[in-house]
Amino acid sequence: MQDVEVIESTKAAAAALDPVRARLLSELAVPASAGGLAARVGITRQKINYHLKALEEHGLVELFEERQHGGITERVLRASAASFVVSPAAVSATAADPDANDDHLSARYLIALAGRLMREVGALARRADASGKGLPTLTIDTQIGFQSAADRAAFADDLTAAVLDLAARYHHDDGRPHRLVVAAHPLPEENR
């Protein structure tokens, strides 16, 4: 089971977002059979099987084990990931393009950039998983409290200078290209 899976397909996103199927995905964090799920969620086993088949077709659930009970084989399934993220590409064929936005300080630019990051890293992670290799990434996530807009602007200038210096020092034209994204936004009220 993956920690996080990025859903790229429109049909897989529709399957995952269906309220009944979303509940089943949540329940399948712990492997279960259709009969076990039916008892937990109060839906008939036949309807559970119908929904599980749709989830399995899109790779959202996977076979965990098969149990033999007399002449009957019971399939035990689990979610293919602990959590799912729907890529903007699954919602629209015309995903937001950060390069089409000249205002690099706008929230819309940051949203488009986050969408591109999700699409690119999701695709790379799937390829890495399929080949059994790791994916080299670097993530820095921190919080900082600015006392004023001037402090925030000075920090942005210093950060830009430091990143440009590091990029110049470590960049090699014949090296493997990596994308570096640095973003900042105010924390929403509920996260403070």
Protein backbone atom coordinates (compact mmCIF):
# COMPACT_ATOMS: atom_id res chain seq x y z
CA MET A 1 0.00 0.00 0.00
CA GLN A 2 1.32 3.42 -0.98
CA ASP A 3 1.21 6.33 1.48
CA VAL A 4 -0.27 8.72 -1.09
CA GLU A 5 -1.46 8.10 -4.63
CA VAL A 6 -2.15 10.82 -7.19
CA ILE A 7 -5.27 10.09 -9.24
CA GLU A 8 -4.76 11.26 -12.84
CA SER A 9 -7.71 9.61 -14.58
CA THR A 10 -11.08 11.37 -14.77
CA LYS A 11 -12.90 8.05 -14.39
CA ALA A 12 -10.77 7.00 -11.41
CA ALA A 13 -11.42 10.40 -9.79
CA ALA A 14 -15.16 10.00 -10.33
CA ALA A 15 -15.02 6.53 -8.77
CA ALA A 16 -13.02 7.74 -5.77
CA LEU A 17 -15.25 10.76 -5.19
CA ASP A 18 -18.54 8.82 -5.25
CA PRO A 19 -19.74 9.02 -1.62
CA VAL A 20 -20.26 5.26 -1.18
CA ARG A 21 -16.96 4.38 -2.86
CA ALA A 22 -15.10 7.06 -0.91
CA ARG A 23 -16.43 5.48 2.29
CA LEU A 24 -15.32 2.04 1.12
CA LEU A 25 -11.83 3.37 0.33
CA SER A 26 -11.66 4.78 3.83
CA GLU A 27 -12.84 1.48 5.35
CA LEU A 28 -10.29 -0.44 3.26
CA ALA A 29 -7.36 1.13 5.08
CA VAL A 30 -7.79 -2.18 6.93
CA PRO A 31 -8.14 -5.15 4.53
CA ALA A 32 -11.66 -6.55 4.38
CA SER A 33 -13.95 -8.77 2.33
CA ALA A 34 -17.21 -7.64 0.74
CA GLY A 35 -19.08 -9.46 3.50
CA GLY A 36 -17.06 -7.74 6.21
CA LEU A 37 -17.59 -4.34 4.61
CA ALA A 38 -21.32 -4.98 4.21
CA ALA A 39 -21.63 -5.60 7.94
CA ARG A 40 -19.63 -2.45 8.80
CA VAL A 41 -21.33 0.01 6.45
CA GLY A 42 -24.84 -1.40 6.32
CA ILE A 43 -25.04 -2.01 2.56
CA THR A 44 -25.79 -5.37 0.96
CA ARG A 45 -22.84 -7.53 -0.04
CA GLN A 46 -23.99 -7.48 -3.67
CA LYS A 47 -23.90 -3.65 -3.78
CA ILE A 48 -20.53 -3.66 -2.01
CA ASN A 49 -19.18 -6.06 -4.65
CA TYR A 50 -20.48 -3.76 -7.41
CA HIS A 51 -18.64 -0.76 -5.94
CA LEU A 52 -15.48 -2.75 -5.18
CA LYS A 53 -15.33 -3.96 -8.77
CA ALA A 54 -15.43 -0.34 -9.99
CA LEU A 55 -12.72 0.70 -7.52
CA GLU A 56 -10.57 -2.28 -8.50
CA GLU A 57 -10.91 -1.47 -12.22
CA HIS A 58 -9.30 1.91 -11.56
CA GLY A 59 -6.52 0.53 -9.34
CA LEU A 60 -7.89 2.15 -6.20
CA VAL A 61 -8.22 -1.15 -4.35
CA GLU A 62 -6.09 -4.25 -4.63
CA LEU A 63 -6.26 -7.89 -3.69
CA PHE A 64 -4.74 -8.43 -0.25
CA GLU A 65 -5.41 -12.16 0.07
CA GLU A 66 -7.81 -14.94 -0.87
CA ARG A 67 -9.33 -17.17 1.80
CA GLN A 68 -10.86 -20.57 1.12
CA HIS A 69 -14.08 -21.45 2.96
CA GLY A 70 -15.18 -24.88 1.79
CA GLY A 71 -15.66 -24.49 -1.96
CA ILE A 72 -15.92 -20.70 -1.81
CA THR A 73 -13.06 -18.26 -2.29
CA GLU A 74 -13.36 -15.06 -0.30
CA ARG A 75 -11.43 -12.09 -1.71
CA VAL A 76 -9.97 -9.71 0.85
CA LEU A 77 -9.19 -6.27 -0.58
CA ARG A 78 -7.44 -3.16 0.67
CA ALA A 79 -7.09 0.39 -0.61
CA SER A 80 -4.06 0.77 -2.87
CA ALA A 81 -3.01 3.85 -0.88
CA ALA A 82 -3.55 5.26 2.59
CA SER A 83 -4.75 8.49 1.00
CA PHE A 84 -5.54 9.80 -2.46
CA VAL A 85 -5.03 13.18 -4.09
CA VAL A 86 -6.89 14.10 -7.28
CA SER A 87 -4.64 15.75 -9.85
CA PRO A 88 -5.97 18.82 -11.64
CA ALA A 89 -5.40 16.84 -14.87
CA ALA A 90 -8.19 14.46 -13.79
CA VAL A 91 -10.63 17.35 -13.58
CA SER A 92 -9.76 19.19 -16.77
CA ALA A 93 -7.76 18.38 -19.89
CA THR A 94 -6.60 21.99 -19.86
CA ALA A 95 -4.72 22.05 -16.58
CA ALA A 96 -3.68 25.46 -15.29
CA ASP A 97 -0.30 26.44 -16.73
CA PRO A 98 1.87 28.54 -14.41
CA ASP A 99 3.88 29.74 -17.43
CA ALA A 100 0.73 31.43 -18.76
CA ASN A 101 0.57 33.71 -15.71
CA ASP A 102 2.98 36.65 -15.59
CA ASP A 103 2.10 37.59 -11.99
CA HIS A 104 4.39 35.26 -10.05
CA LEU A 105 3.25 36.86 -6.79
CA SER A 106 -0.42 35.98 -7.30
CA ALA A 107 -2.34 33.21 -5.58
CA ARG A 108 -3.51 31.91 -8.99
CA TYR A 109 0.10 31.45 -10.10
CA LEU A 110 0.87 29.51 -6.92
CA ILE A 111 -2.19 27.29 -7.45
CA ALA A 112 -1.18 26.56 -11.06
CA LEU A 113 2.36 25.82 -9.90
CA ALA A 114 1.08 23.44 -7.21
CA GLY A 115 -1.03 21.66 -9.85
CA ARG A 116 1.99 21.23 -12.12
CA LEU A 117 4.04 19.96 -9.17
CA MET A 118 1.34 17.39 -8.36
CA ARG A 119 1.12 16.21 -11.99
CA GLU A 120 4.89 15.95 -12.46
CA VAL A 121 5.75 14.29 -9.16
CA GLY A 122 2.72 11.97 -9.40
CA ALA A 123 3.85 10.73 -12.82
CA LEU A 124 7.46 10.35 -11.68
CA ALA A 125 6.40 8.47 -8.53
CA ARG A 126 4.30 6.03 -10.58
CA ARG A 127 7.24 5.35 -12.91
CA ALA A 128 9.63 4.93 -9.99
CA ASP A 129 7.23 2.51 -8.27
CA ALA A 130 6.77 0.52 -11.48
CA SER A 131 10.53 0.18 -11.94
CA GLY A 132 11.17 -0.56 -8.25
CA LYS A 133 13.41 2.50 -7.92
CA GLY A 134 13.34 5.40 -5.53
CA LEU A 135 12.54 8.95 -6.59
CA PRO A 136 15.03 11.59 -5.42
CA THR A 137 13.15 14.56 -3.98
CA LEU A 138 13.80 17.32 -1.48
CA THR A 139 11.13 19.01 0.59
CA ILE A 140 11.41 21.87 3.04
CA ASP A 141 8.27 22.81 4.95
CA THR A 142 8.40 25.35 7.75
CA GLN A 143 6.47 28.24 9.24
CA ILE A 144 7.73 31.76 9.72
CA GLY A 145 6.00 34.75 11.30
CA PHE A 146 6.71 38.12 9.66
CA GLN A 147 6.15 41.25 11.75
CA SER A 148 5.65 43.44 8.70
CA ALA A 149 5.36 43.49 4.92
CA ALA A 150 8.85 45.00 4.86
CA ASP A 151 10.23 42.00 6.78
CA ARG A 152 8.50 39.64 4.36
CA ALA A 153 9.94 41.51 1.35
CA ALA A 154 13.45 41.53 2.85
CA PHE A 155 13.19 37.80 3.56
CA ALA A 156 12.08 37.18 -0.05
CA ASP A 157 15.07 39.17 -1.34
CA ASP A 158 17.52 37.29 0.91
CA LEU A 159 15.99 33.92 0.06
CA THR A 160 16.12 34.68 -3.67
CA ALA A 161 19.79 35.70 -3.44
CA ALA A 162 20.66 32.56 -1.45
CA VAL A 163 18.82 30.23 -3.84
CA LEU A 164 20.38 31.87 -6.92
CA ASP A 165 23.83 31.55 -5.33
CA LEU A 166 23.28 27.87 -4.52
CA ALA A 167 21.84 27.17 -7.98
CA ALA A 168 24.85 28.79 -9.64
CA ARG A 169 27.22 26.81 -7.42
CA TYR A 170 25.64 23.38 -7.98
CA HIS A 171 24.15 23.63 -11.48
CA HIS A 172 25.86 21.64 -14.24
CA ASP A 173 24.61 21.85 -17.81
CA ASP A 174 25.20 18.11 -18.26
CA GLY A 175 23.54 17.21 -14.92
CA ARG A 176 20.11 15.66 -14.40
CA PRO A 177 17.60 18.56 -14.34
CA HIS A 178 15.50 19.04 -11.22
CA ARG A 179 12.72 21.57 -10.61
CA LEU A 180 12.99 23.69 -7.46
CA VAL A 181 9.83 25.36 -6.19
CA VAL A 182 9.81 27.69 -3.20
CA ALA A 183 6.43 29.03 -2.13
CA ALA A 184 4.99 30.96 0.78
CA HIS A 185 1.41 31.77 1.71
CA PRO A 186 -0.38 32.90 4.85
CA LEU A 187 -1.60 30.05 7.05
CA PRO A 188 -5.38 29.63 7.00
CA GLU A 189 -7.10 30.54 10.29
CA GLU A 190 -7.92 26.89 11.06
CA ASN A 191 -4.20 25.94 10.92
CA ARG A 192 -3.00 28.53 13.42
